[in-house]
Amino acid sequence: MKKVLIVLITLIFGCMVGGTCIFWKYGAHLGYAWVIKNGQKNKYLQMEKGNWELLAGESLNGSDLSAKDAGSAWKNLHFSDYLIPIPLHHPIYVIVPYIGKTMKKGVPQMGFKFLAPAKDSTFVFFHTMSDVGFVLRADDQPFFSLPLIWDVISQKTSEEIWKDLFRKNLALTSSPDIISSSEYYKHLARMEGRVSWRELAYNLYLLCLRQKYFGDSTLKLLWSSSGMGVFEKKATNSAYRDEVYHFRLEDNRIKRLYLRTKRGANPSDVYRKKLNSKMKLKLSYPGASNILYIESKSLDYEKRIGQEGMAYRFAAWTHVVENKNFLEEIILFLEKGKNNMIQLAPLYEYALKKYGTNFSKLDNTRKESGKVFLERKIGDEQKKQIQDAITENAMDGEKFPNNQDKVDYLLRKAKESKKNSDKRDDILTVD
C-alpha cells in the first residue's frame, strides 16, 4: 500500500500543491521517473519498467523515405488492402509470389519475395496478416480510471492516441543511457515547469498500451504522416529487419502488413524507403480484380507471360482469392513463358494442396490427386464423344432449350454410336 500511495501522490498531487518542499514541487516528475526505471506492480497499476525501445517513438524522417531509384521500373499495385510499390520490370529484382498459412475467414497470407538473381537469396519479403482488434483503453488498470487521470485521457481523441502510440517520445530525453542512471531523476526534475503532471499521466497511459500490444520484442516504433504506424520487432535472424505496418480503421480494426528486409543491402533499403513513402491503405473489393486484369491484358505478349504479367494477375487474385480460375490462369500464362519455374513453384504447391491439382498443362510438371485425375479423364472422354457426335452429324436438326440438354443429347448419341459399332463383326469386344 505504501508504494501505491507514493505513486498516487507523486503522479497526481505532486505538481498540484504549492510550497517550497522539493517533494511536492517535483513529485510527479520523480514519480514518473520511478515507474520508468523500476516499473510498478500493485492492484492499481501493473507495468514493467520502460525500456528505451518502447519509450522512444518517432516519426519517419527523410532517411526513411527518400529512395533514389528509377521511377519507371515501379508500379503501385492494389494488392489486397494496400497500394504497394512493385518493381515490375527492374534489372535487380526477381519477383516470386508468396502464399502462406491460412488466416481468419479462410484467406491465406499473400505477398511477394524479391530475390537477387546472382545469389538466389531473398532480400525483400512482405505478406498480408490477419486483422486484429485494437482498443485504445486500459480498463484492466484501475489507476487510469481514477477521475483525475481519466479526465486527462478522455480529452484525447482516438486518432491522437493512435498516432502518439507510435510517434511520441515518452522518455522525455534523446539519450537512452541516462534512463539507467540516477541522473534520470535529476533530468526529469529539471523538466518541472515544461512538462505538466497531466502529460506525464498521459505518457504512462501510452506506455501501458505499448507494453500491452507490442511488448519486449520491440526494437523501434515509427509513425508516417500517411496514417501508418510501423512496429519493428526483434528478428529471428539478425541479418534481417522485421517490421509490421499498421493501419487503423474506424471500427478499431487494424490492417497489418509484414515486411522483412535484408540489413546492409542497398536494394533492400531502396524498397523499404519506397514502401514507407508510397504505401497507402486501400481496402480490397471484388471489382479491383477486374481493373488489374484488364491492365494485364494491355501488356505486350512477352510481358504477359513473364514476371510483369504475373504480378498484375497475382495482385488481381488477392481480391477474389476463392476464384480458382484466376490462379489457373496465372499458372497457364507463366507456363507459356521461359524460365518461370521459380514463380510457378509456390503456385503449384498451393493449388495442389487446395484443389487437388497444380493446374499445369505440361505433362512433365502436372500433379493431381487420384480423384482429380479420374474427373479429368472422364471429362476428356466426354469431350471426345461430343466431338465425335458432332462430326457424325448426330444433331438431326434437334433444338435445345439450353447447353446442358445439348451436351446430354450429344453424349447419348455418342454412346449409341459406340454400342452400334461394338456389334459389328470386325470389332472385338472384351467384357
Protein backbone atom coordinates (compact mmCIF):
# COMPACT_ATOMS: atom_id res chain seq x y z
CA MET A 1 0.00 0.00 0.00
CA LYS A 2 2.93 2.33 0.67
CA LYS A 3 4.09 2.06 -2.95
CA VAL A 4 0.56 2.74 -4.14
CA LEU A 5 0.37 5.91 -2.09
CA ILE A 6 3.75 7.07 -3.35
CA VAL A 7 2.72 6.61 -6.96
CA LEU A 8 -0.69 8.21 -6.50
CA ILE A 9 0.64 11.17 -4.52
CA THR A 10 3.64 11.86 -6.73
CA LEU A 11 1.80 11.48 -10.01
CA ILE A 12 -1.47 13.13 -9.13
CA PHE A 13 -0.82 15.70 -6.47
CA GLY A 14 2.89 16.41 -6.71
CA CYS A 15 2.60 19.35 -9.10
CA MET A 16 -0.81 20.49 -7.92
CA VAL A 17 0.21 21.51 -4.42
CA GLY A 18 2.25 24.67 -3.94
CA GLY A 19 5.02 25.19 -1.44
CA THR A 20 8.75 25.04 -1.10
CA CYS A 21 9.05 21.35 -0.37
CA ILE A 22 11.10 19.63 -3.11
CA PHE A 23 8.93 16.52 -2.84
CA TRP A 24 5.80 18.42 -3.65
CA LYS A 25 7.45 20.59 -6.30
CA TYR A 26 8.97 17.71 -8.24
CA GLY A 27 6.74 14.90 -7.03
CA ALA A 28 5.04 13.99 -10.31
CA HIS A 29 8.30 14.01 -12.25
CA LEU A 30 10.17 11.94 -9.68
CA GLY A 31 7.25 9.52 -9.51
CA TYR A 32 7.23 9.22 -13.31
CA ALA A 33 10.97 8.54 -13.32
CA TRP A 34 10.48 5.87 -10.65
CA VAL A 35 7.89 3.97 -12.72
CA ILE A 36 10.00 4.25 -15.88
CA LYS A 37 13.12 2.93 -14.13
CA ASN A 38 11.55 0.29 -11.87
CA GLY A 39 8.05 -0.50 -13.08
CA GLN A 40 5.07 -0.84 -10.75
CA LYS A 41 3.20 -3.92 -9.54
CA ASN A 42 0.10 -3.46 -7.40
CA LYS A 43 -3.65 -3.72 -7.72
CA TYR A 44 -3.89 -0.21 -9.18
CA LEU A 45 -1.10 -0.32 -11.73
CA GLN A 46 0.71 -3.25 -13.38
CA MET A 47 3.60 -2.04 -15.52
CA GLU A 48 7.06 -3.26 -16.41
CA LYS A 49 9.92 -0.80 -16.32
CA GLY A 50 10.23 1.15 -19.52
CA ASN A 51 12.93 0.07 -21.95
CA TRP A 52 14.25 2.58 -24.47
CA GLU A 53 12.74 0.81 -27.49
CA LEU A 54 9.20 1.17 -26.11
CA LEU A 55 9.76 4.70 -24.83
CA ALA A 56 11.29 6.32 -27.90
CA GLY A 57 8.59 6.62 -30.55
CA GLU A 58 9.35 8.85 -33.53
CA SER A 59 8.14 9.98 -36.93
CA LEU A 60 9.54 8.64 -40.18
CA ASN A 61 12.23 11.05 -41.33
CA GLY A 62 13.92 11.82 -44.63
CA SER A 63 16.40 8.94 -44.39
CA ASP A 64 13.49 6.52 -44.05
CA LEU A 65 11.60 7.96 -47.01
CA SER A 66 13.95 9.17 -49.75
CA ALA A 67 14.75 6.44 -52.25
CA LYS A 68 16.78 7.23 -55.36
CA ASP A 69 15.77 4.74 -57.98
CA ALA A 70 14.37 4.67 -61.50
CA GLY A 71 10.70 5.56 -61.16
CA SER A 72 9.77 3.92 -64.44
CA ALA A 73 10.62 0.49 -63.05
CA TRP A 74 7.96 0.74 -60.33
CA LYS A 75 4.19 0.48 -60.27
CA ASN A 76 1.79 0.99 -57.36
CA LEU A 77 -0.47 -2.06 -57.45
CA HIS A 78 -3.69 -2.52 -55.49
CA PHE A 79 -2.60 -5.61 -53.59
CA SER A 80 -5.17 -6.91 -51.07
CA ASP A 81 -5.95 -3.91 -48.81
CA TYR A 82 -3.00 -1.76 -49.83
CA LEU A 83 -1.45 0.25 -52.61
CA ILE A 84 2.06 -1.20 -52.72
CA PRO A 85 5.03 -0.23 -54.94
CA ILE A 86 6.16 -3.24 -57.00
CA PRO A 87 9.30 -3.30 -59.21
CA LEU A 88 7.62 -4.79 -62.27
CA HIS A 89 10.50 -4.63 -64.72
CA HIS A 90 13.51 -3.84 -62.59
CA PRO A 91 17.01 -5.04 -63.54
CA ILE A 92 17.77 -6.25 -60.00
CA TYR A 93 14.56 -7.66 -58.55
CA VAL A 94 13.22 -11.11 -59.38
CA ILE A 95 9.64 -11.25 -58.06
CA VAL A 96 8.28 -14.50 -56.64
CA PRO A 97 4.69 -14.88 -55.35
CA TYR A 98 4.19 -16.00 -51.76
CA ILE A 99 1.16 -17.86 -50.40
CA GLY A 100 1.39 -18.61 -46.68
CA LYS A 101 -0.70 -20.07 -43.93
CA THR A 102 -4.46 -19.65 -43.87
CA MET A 103 -5.69 -16.74 -41.75
CA LYS A 104 -9.14 -15.88 -40.46
CA LYS A 105 -12.03 -16.29 -42.92
CA GLY A 106 -10.04 -18.90 -44.82
CA VAL A 107 -7.86 -16.41 -46.69
CA PRO A 108 -4.13 -17.23 -46.94
CA GLN A 109 -1.27 -14.85 -46.30
CA MET A 110 -0.28 -13.37 -49.67
CA GLY A 111 2.76 -11.41 -50.72
CA PHE A 112 5.93 -11.29 -52.76
CA LYS A 113 9.56 -12.26 -52.27
CA PHE A 114 12.21 -10.28 -54.13
CA LEU A 115 15.28 -12.31 -54.97
CA ALA A 116 18.77 -11.37 -56.10
CA PRO A 117 19.35 -13.24 -59.38
CA ALA A 118 23.07 -13.84 -58.80
CA LYS A 119 22.77 -15.40 -55.35
CA ASP A 120 19.16 -16.58 -55.42
CA SER A 121 18.69 -15.11 -51.94
CA THR A 122 15.70 -13.22 -50.56
CA PHE A 123 16.41 -9.59 -49.69
CA VAL A 124 12.81 -8.33 -49.52
CA PHE A 125 9.75 -10.26 -48.38
CA PHE A 126 6.29 -8.98 -47.49
CA HIS A 127 2.90 -10.58 -46.88
CA THR A 128 -0.54 -9.72 -45.57
CA MET A 129 -1.50 -10.51 -41.98
CA SER A 130 -4.82 -11.11 -40.25
CA ASP A 131 -6.72 -8.13 -38.84
CA VAL A 132 -6.61 -7.52 -35.09
CA GLY A 133 -8.89 -5.59 -32.79
CA PHE A 134 -7.32 -2.62 -31.05
CA VAL A 135 -9.00 -0.98 -28.06
CA LEU A 136 -7.39 2.32 -27.07
CA ARG A 137 -8.24 1.81 -23.42
CA ALA A 138 -6.57 0.26 -20.41
CA ASP A 139 -9.62 -0.82 -18.43
CA ASP A 140 -7.63 -3.53 -16.68
CA GLN A 141 -5.55 -0.81 -14.96
CA PRO A 142 -7.60 0.89 -12.21
CA PHE A 143 -5.07 3.75 -11.99
CA PHE A 144 -6.22 5.13 -15.35
CA SER A 145 -9.87 5.03 -14.26
CA LEU A 146 -9.26 7.45 -11.39
CA PRO A 147 -11.27 10.64 -12.11
CA LEU A 148 -8.26 12.96 -12.34
CA ILE A 149 -6.33 10.63 -14.63
CA TRP A 150 -9.32 9.67 -16.78
CA ASP A 151 -10.13 13.35 -17.26
CA VAL A 152 -6.70 13.73 -18.91
CA ILE A 153 -7.07 10.69 -21.18
CA SER A 154 -10.68 11.34 -22.18
CA GLN A 155 -9.70 14.71 -23.66
CA LYS A 156 -7.54 12.93 -26.26
CA THR A 157 -9.19 11.75 -29.47
CA SER A 158 -8.75 8.14 -30.56
CA GLU A 159 -6.89 9.39 -33.62
CA GLU A 160 -4.44 11.36 -31.47
CA ILE A 161 -3.85 8.39 -29.17
CA TRP A 162 -3.24 6.12 -32.17
CA LYS A 163 -0.64 8.50 -33.60
CA ASP A 164 1.08 9.05 -30.25
CA LEU A 165 1.27 5.31 -29.73
CA PHE A 166 3.95 5.27 -32.43
CA ARG A 167 5.42 8.78 -32.57
CA LYS A 168 5.62 10.18 -29.02
CA ASN A 169 8.87 10.06 -27.08
CA LEU A 170 7.83 9.00 -23.60
CA ALA A 171 11.37 9.06 -22.17
CA LEU A 172 11.49 12.88 -22.37
CA THR A 173 15.13 12.58 -23.41
CA SER A 174 17.03 11.71 -26.57
CA SER A 175 19.69 9.78 -24.64
CA PRO A 176 18.92 6.12 -23.81
CA ASP A 177 21.86 5.85 -21.39
CA ILE A 178 20.53 8.41 -18.94
CA ILE A 179 17.47 6.29 -18.12
CA SER A 180 19.55 3.59 -16.47
CA SER A 181 21.41 6.05 -14.25
CA SER A 182 20.42 8.12 -11.23
CA GLU A 183 20.77 11.21 -13.42
CA TYR A 184 17.34 10.45 -14.85
CA TYR A 185 15.67 11.67 -11.64
CA LYS A 186 17.54 14.98 -11.92
CA HIS A 187 16.75 15.20 -15.62
CA LEU A 188 13.01 14.78 -15.01
CA ALA A 189 13.08 17.22 -12.09
CA ARG A 190 14.63 19.87 -14.35
CA MET A 191 11.64 19.48 -16.68
CA GLU A 192 9.24 20.70 -13.99
CA GLY A 193 7.50 23.72 -15.44
CA ARG A 194 7.86 22.47 -19.02
CA VAL A 195 6.11 19.12 -18.69
CA SER A 196 2.91 19.02 -16.63
CA TRP A 197 1.68 16.16 -14.47
CA ARG A 198 -1.17 15.76 -16.98
CA GLU A 199 1.27 14.98 -19.78
CA LEU A 200 3.15 12.54 -17.55
CA ALA A 201 -0.11 10.72 -16.74
CA TYR A 202 -0.91 10.54 -20.46
CA ASN A 203 2.59 9.26 -21.19
CA LEU A 204 2.17 6.46 -18.65
CA TYR A 205 -1.09 5.53 -20.35
CA LEU A 206 0.67 5.31 -23.73
CA LEU A 207 3.48 3.23 -22.24
CA CYS A 208 0.90 0.87 -20.78
CA LEU A 209 -0.67 0.42 -24.23
CA ARG A 210 2.74 -0.10 -25.86
CA GLN A 211 3.68 -2.78 -23.36
CA LYS A 212 0.32 -4.46 -23.84
CA TYR A 213 0.31 -4.55 -27.66
CA PHE A 214 3.97 -4.55 -28.66
CA GLY A 215 5.87 -5.97 -25.68
CA ASP A 216 9.54 -6.79 -25.19
CA SER A 217 10.11 -7.77 -28.83
CA THR A 218 10.01 -4.09 -29.82
CA LEU A 219 13.07 -2.52 -31.44
CA LYS A 220 11.53 0.67 -32.81
CA LEU A 221 8.20 2.46 -33.23
CA LEU A 222 7.69 4.85 -36.15
CA TRP A 223 4.84 6.98 -37.43
CA SER A 224 4.17 8.09 -41.01
CA SER A 225 2.13 11.15 -41.94
CA SER A 226 0.15 8.88 -44.30
CA GLY A 227 -1.55 7.37 -41.23
CA MET A 228 0.69 4.34 -40.96
CA GLY A 229 2.28 3.04 -37.77
CA VAL A 230 5.41 0.89 -38.05
CA PHE A 231 6.47 -1.60 -35.40
CA GLU A 232 9.98 -3.01 -35.80
CA LYS A 233 10.37 -6.21 -33.82
CA LYS A 234 13.31 -8.42 -32.97
CA ALA A 235 14.05 -10.65 -35.96
CA THR A 236 14.75 -14.36 -35.62
CA ASN A 237 17.68 -13.77 -38.00
CA SER A 238 19.86 -10.78 -37.13
CA ALA A 239 20.77 -10.34 -40.81
CA TYR A 240 17.21 -9.09 -41.44
CA ARG A 241 14.93 -6.30 -40.25
CA ASP A 242 11.36 -7.38 -39.39
CA GLU A 243 8.61 -4.75 -39.38
CA VAL A 244 4.82 -4.76 -39.15
CA TYR A 245 2.89 -1.92 -40.78
CA HIS A 246 -0.36 -0.89 -39.08
CA PHE A 247 -3.39 0.94 -40.44
CA ARG A 248 -6.30 1.68 -38.12
CA LEU A 249 -9.89 1.55 -39.39
CA GLU A 250 -12.81 3.47 -37.93
CA ASP A 251 -14.18 0.34 -36.25
CA ASN A 252 -10.83 -0.07 -34.42
CA ARG A 253 -9.75 -2.99 -36.57
CA ILE A 254 -6.10 -2.90 -37.53
CA LYS A 255 -4.91 -3.88 -41.01
CA ARG A 256 -1.36 -5.24 -40.90
CA LEU A 257 1.40 -5.99 -43.40
CA TYR A 258 4.63 -7.81 -42.53
CA LEU A 259 7.90 -6.69 -44.15
CA ARG A 260 11.33 -8.35 -43.94
CA THR A 261 14.35 -6.61 -45.48
CA LYS A 262 18.00 -7.63 -45.51
CA ARG A 263 20.23 -5.33 -43.49
CA GLY A 264 23.12 -3.68 -45.30
CA ALA A 265 21.77 -4.49 -48.77
CA ASN A 266 21.13 -1.44 -50.95
CA PRO A 267 18.17 -2.96 -52.87
CA SER A 268 16.52 -3.74 -49.52
CA ASP A 269 16.99 -0.17 -48.29
CA VAL A 270 15.63 1.22 -51.55
CA TYR A 271 12.49 -0.89 -51.35
CA ARG A 272 11.89 -0.14 -47.67
CA LYS A 273 12.06 3.58 -48.36
CA LYS A 274 9.76 3.18 -51.35
CA LEU A 275 7.26 1.34 -49.19
CA ASN A 276 7.45 3.92 -46.40
CA SER A 277 6.79 6.79 -48.79
CA LYS A 278 4.35 5.19 -51.27
CA MET A 279 2.27 2.55 -49.47
CA LYS A 280 -1.29 3.52 -48.60
CA LEU A 281 -4.37 1.80 -47.26
CA LYS A 282 -6.91 0.95 -49.97
CA LEU A 283 -9.43 -1.66 -48.91
CA SER A 284 -9.99 -4.64 -51.16
CA TYR A 285 -13.18 -5.07 -53.21
CA PRO A 286 -14.01 -7.64 -55.94
CA GLY A 287 -14.08 -5.07 -58.74
CA ALA A 288 -10.39 -4.28 -58.17
CA SER A 289 -9.53 -7.68 -59.67
CA ASN A 290 -11.17 -6.70 -62.98
CA ILE A 291 -9.23 -3.43 -63.15
CA LEU A 292 -5.90 -5.20 -62.64
CA TYR A 293 -6.84 -7.99 -65.02
CA ILE A 294 -7.65 -5.50 -67.79
CA GLU A 295 -4.32 -3.77 -67.18
CA SER A 296 -2.50 -7.10 -67.51
CA LYS A 297 -4.19 -7.73 -70.87
CA SER A 298 -2.87 -4.44 -72.21
CA LEU A 299 0.75 -5.60 -71.78
CA ASP A 300 2.85 -6.85 -74.65
CA TYR A 301 2.61 -10.62 -75.02
CA GLU A 302 6.17 -11.22 -73.77
CA LYS A 303 5.41 -9.24 -70.60
CA ARG A 304 2.08 -11.02 -70.10
CA ILE A 305 3.80 -14.42 -69.95
CA GLY A 306 6.57 -13.16 -67.68
CA GLN A 307 7.16 -11.52 -64.32
CA GLU A 308 5.18 -8.37 -65.04
CA GLY A 309 2.03 -10.16 -66.13
CA MET A 310 2.29 -12.49 -63.16
CA ALA A 311 2.49 -9.54 -60.74
CA TYR A 312 -0.69 -7.96 -62.17
CA ARG A 313 -2.64 -11.23 -62.13
CA PHE A 314 -1.46 -12.23 -58.67
CA ALA A 315 -2.46 -8.81 -57.31
CA ALA A 316 -5.85 -9.23 -59.03
CA TRP A 317 -6.27 -12.63 -57.41
CA THR A 318 -5.80 -11.17 -53.88
CA HIS A 319 -9.23 -9.54 -54.27
CA VAL A 320 -11.03 -12.77 -55.25
CA VAL A 321 -8.95 -15.49 -53.60
CA GLU A 322 -11.68 -18.12 -53.86
CA ASN A 323 -11.83 -17.75 -57.64
CA LYS A 324 -9.59 -20.61 -58.71
CA ASN A 325 -9.83 -19.54 -62.36
CA PHE A 326 -7.53 -16.62 -61.58
CA LEU A 327 -4.96 -18.97 -60.07
CA GLU A 328 -5.24 -21.34 -63.01
CA GLU A 329 -4.72 -18.50 -65.47
CA ILE A 330 -1.66 -17.20 -63.62
CA ILE A 331 -0.13 -20.68 -63.94
CA LEU A 332 -1.19 -21.07 -67.58
CA PHE A 333 0.48 -17.82 -68.69
CA LEU A 334 3.67 -18.46 -66.71
CA GLU A 335 3.94 -21.89 -68.35
CA LYS A 336 3.87 -20.19 -71.74
CA GLY A 337 6.91 -18.10 -70.78
CA LYS A 338 10.55 -19.03 -70.26
CA ASN A 339 12.47 -19.68 -67.04
CA ASN A 340 9.40 -19.09 -64.86
CA MET A 341 9.67 -22.18 -62.68
CA ILE A 342 10.75 -20.17 -59.63
CA GLN A 343 7.45 -18.23 -59.84
CA LEU A 344 5.43 -21.34 -60.66
CA ALA A 345 6.65 -23.45 -57.73
CA PRO A 346 4.66 -21.71 -54.91
CA LEU A 347 1.57 -21.51 -57.12
CA TYR A 348 1.79 -25.22 -57.96
CA GLU A 349 2.17 -26.07 -54.28
CA TYR A 350 -0.84 -24.04 -53.13
CA ALA A 351 -3.09 -25.21 -55.99
CA LEU A 352 -2.28 -28.88 -55.38
CA LYS A 353 -3.00 -28.57 -51.67
CA LYS A 354 -6.17 -26.52 -52.14
CA TYR A 355 -7.73 -28.06 -55.25
CA GLY A 356 -6.02 -31.42 -55.70
CA THR A 357 -4.29 -30.30 -58.90
CA ASN A 358 -1.49 -27.89 -59.68
CA PHE A 359 -3.35 -26.80 -62.85
CA SER A 360 -0.30 -27.49 -65.01
CA LYS A 361 -0.90 -28.18 -68.69
CA LEU A 362 2.59 -29.65 -69.05
CA ASP A 363 2.88 -33.42 -68.78
CA ASN A 364 6.23 -33.29 -67.01
CA THR A 365 5.04 -30.92 -64.26
CA ARG A 366 1.36 -31.89 -63.86
CA LYS A 367 0.43 -33.20 -60.41
CA GLU A 368 -3.06 -34.11 -59.24
CA SER A 369 -4.90 -36.29 -56.79
CA GLY A 370 -6.45 -39.58 -57.90
CA LYS A 371 -9.92 -38.05 -57.76
CA VAL A 372 -8.99 -35.09 -59.94
CA PHE A 373 -7.14 -37.38 -62.35
CA LEU A 374 -10.27 -39.53 -62.77
CA GLU A 375 -12.51 -36.47 -63.23
CA ARG A 376 -10.15 -35.07 -65.85
CA LYS A 377 -10.04 -38.35 -67.76
CA ILE A 378 -13.85 -38.61 -67.70
CA GLY A 379 -14.09 -35.02 -68.86
CA ASP A 380 -11.62 -35.64 -71.69
CA GLU A 381 -13.60 -38.72 -72.78
CA GLN A 382 -16.86 -36.80 -72.74
CA LYS A 383 -15.35 -34.03 -74.84
CA LYS A 384 -14.12 -36.63 -77.33
CA GLN A 385 -17.55 -38.30 -77.51
CA ILE A 386 -19.26 -34.95 -78.06
CA GLN A 387 -16.81 -34.06 -80.79
CA ASP A 388 -17.34 -37.46 -82.43
CA ALA A 389 -21.09 -36.97 -82.30
CA ILE A 390 -20.80 -33.54 -83.92
CA THR A 391 -18.51 -34.93 -86.58
CA GLU A 392 -21.01 -37.66 -87.41
CA ASN A 393 -23.80 -35.07 -87.77
CA ALA A 394 -25.67 -36.51 -84.83
CA MET A 395 -27.68 -33.36 -84.22
CA ASP A 396 -30.51 -34.49 -86.55
CA GLY A 397 -31.91 -30.97 -86.62
CA GLU A 398 -32.72 -31.07 -82.90
CA LYS A 399 -33.25 -27.83 -80.99
CA PHE A 400 -32.34 -27.49 -77.31
CA PRO A 401 -33.53 -25.06 -74.63
CA ASN A 402 -30.05 -24.88 -73.05
CA ASN A 403 -26.47 -26.06 -73.43
CA GLN A 404 -26.78 -28.82 -70.81
CA ASP A 405 -29.60 -30.52 -72.76
CA LYS A 406 -27.47 -30.25 -75.85
CA VAL A 407 -24.49 -31.87 -74.11
CA ASP A 408 -26.68 -34.68 -72.69
CA TYR A 409 -28.10 -35.35 -76.15
CA LEU A 410 -24.68 -35.50 -77.75
CA LEU A 411 -23.37 -37.85 -75.08
CA ARG A 412 -26.36 -40.13 -75.54
CA LYS A 413 -25.89 -40.20 -79.29
CA ALA A 414 -22.19 -40.86 -78.89
CA LYS A 415 -22.86 -43.81 -76.59
CA GLU A 416 -25.45 -45.23 -79.02
CA SER A 417 -22.96 -44.87 -81.84
CA LYS A 418 -20.36 -46.70 -79.75
CA LYS A 419 -22.81 -49.57 -78.99
CA ASN A 420 -23.67 -49.96 -82.67
CA SER A 421 -20.02 -50.07 -83.60
CA ASP A 422 -19.38 -52.72 -80.94
CA LYS A 423 -21.96 -55.04 -82.65
CA ARG A 424 -20.10 -55.03 -85.93
CA ASP A 425 -18.36 -58.33 -86.81
CA ASP A 426 -14.95 -56.68 -87.25
CA ILE A 427 -14.92 -55.21 -83.73
CA LEU A 428 -13.52 -57.27 -80.91
CA THR A 429 -15.18 -56.52 -77.58
CA VAL A 430 -13.85 -57.64 -74.23
CA ASP A 431 -16.23 -57.96 -71.30
